[in-house]
Amino acid sequence: MATWFQGPAADFIEASRQGFEQGVRILHFLGGSSVEVTGDRAVAQTKMTITQRVPIEGVSCDVVCTGRFYDLLERRGGRWGIVLRQPIYEQDRIQAVAGGPAPVLDREALAALPEGYRHLAYVQRQLGFTVELDMPQLVGRQVERLYAAGDRWLAGDDAQWPAS
């Protein structure tokens, strides 16, 4: 799951490869993790930062979004693997790479986007991506639903996120 893509890992990898070939440059930095294990299942939360370099109004900028990856994991055939990865978007910003004047953003368009990833969504929309506007953020209904799905996962329920 991501702001711009929801689907199987193999399709995400292919879409990411195609984006890279077209000049999309995105870096993910991973930080500390916490993992709750119950039998052959686990829920992991890993701090992350997404950085996307992109020109905005002729200014080279970095869009930086911090949050967590919330992963449902399972041991199958003696090996652990990720069954589902859902980012939780906490906060983001845009900054000019070389300093100087920042690009002028459409304040109305920016204000209509989710607070936890509004700058990332703004840039992705400018690049022509369709952006999911109901992703989990630091607080709110979606993150509460995600935590509940994680609890059900650990209890042995195969229902995965997003829960209906």
Foldseek 3Di string as FASTA:
>chain_A
DAFQDDDDPVVVVVVVVVVVVVPKDKDKDWADKDWDAAVFKIKMKIKMKIWTWDADPNFTKIKIWIWIWIFIWGQDPNDIDTPDTATAQEAIDMDGPVDDDDHDDDVVQLVVADHRCSVVVRVCVVVPGNTDRDGHYPDDDRVVQQVVQRVVVSVPDPDHPPDD
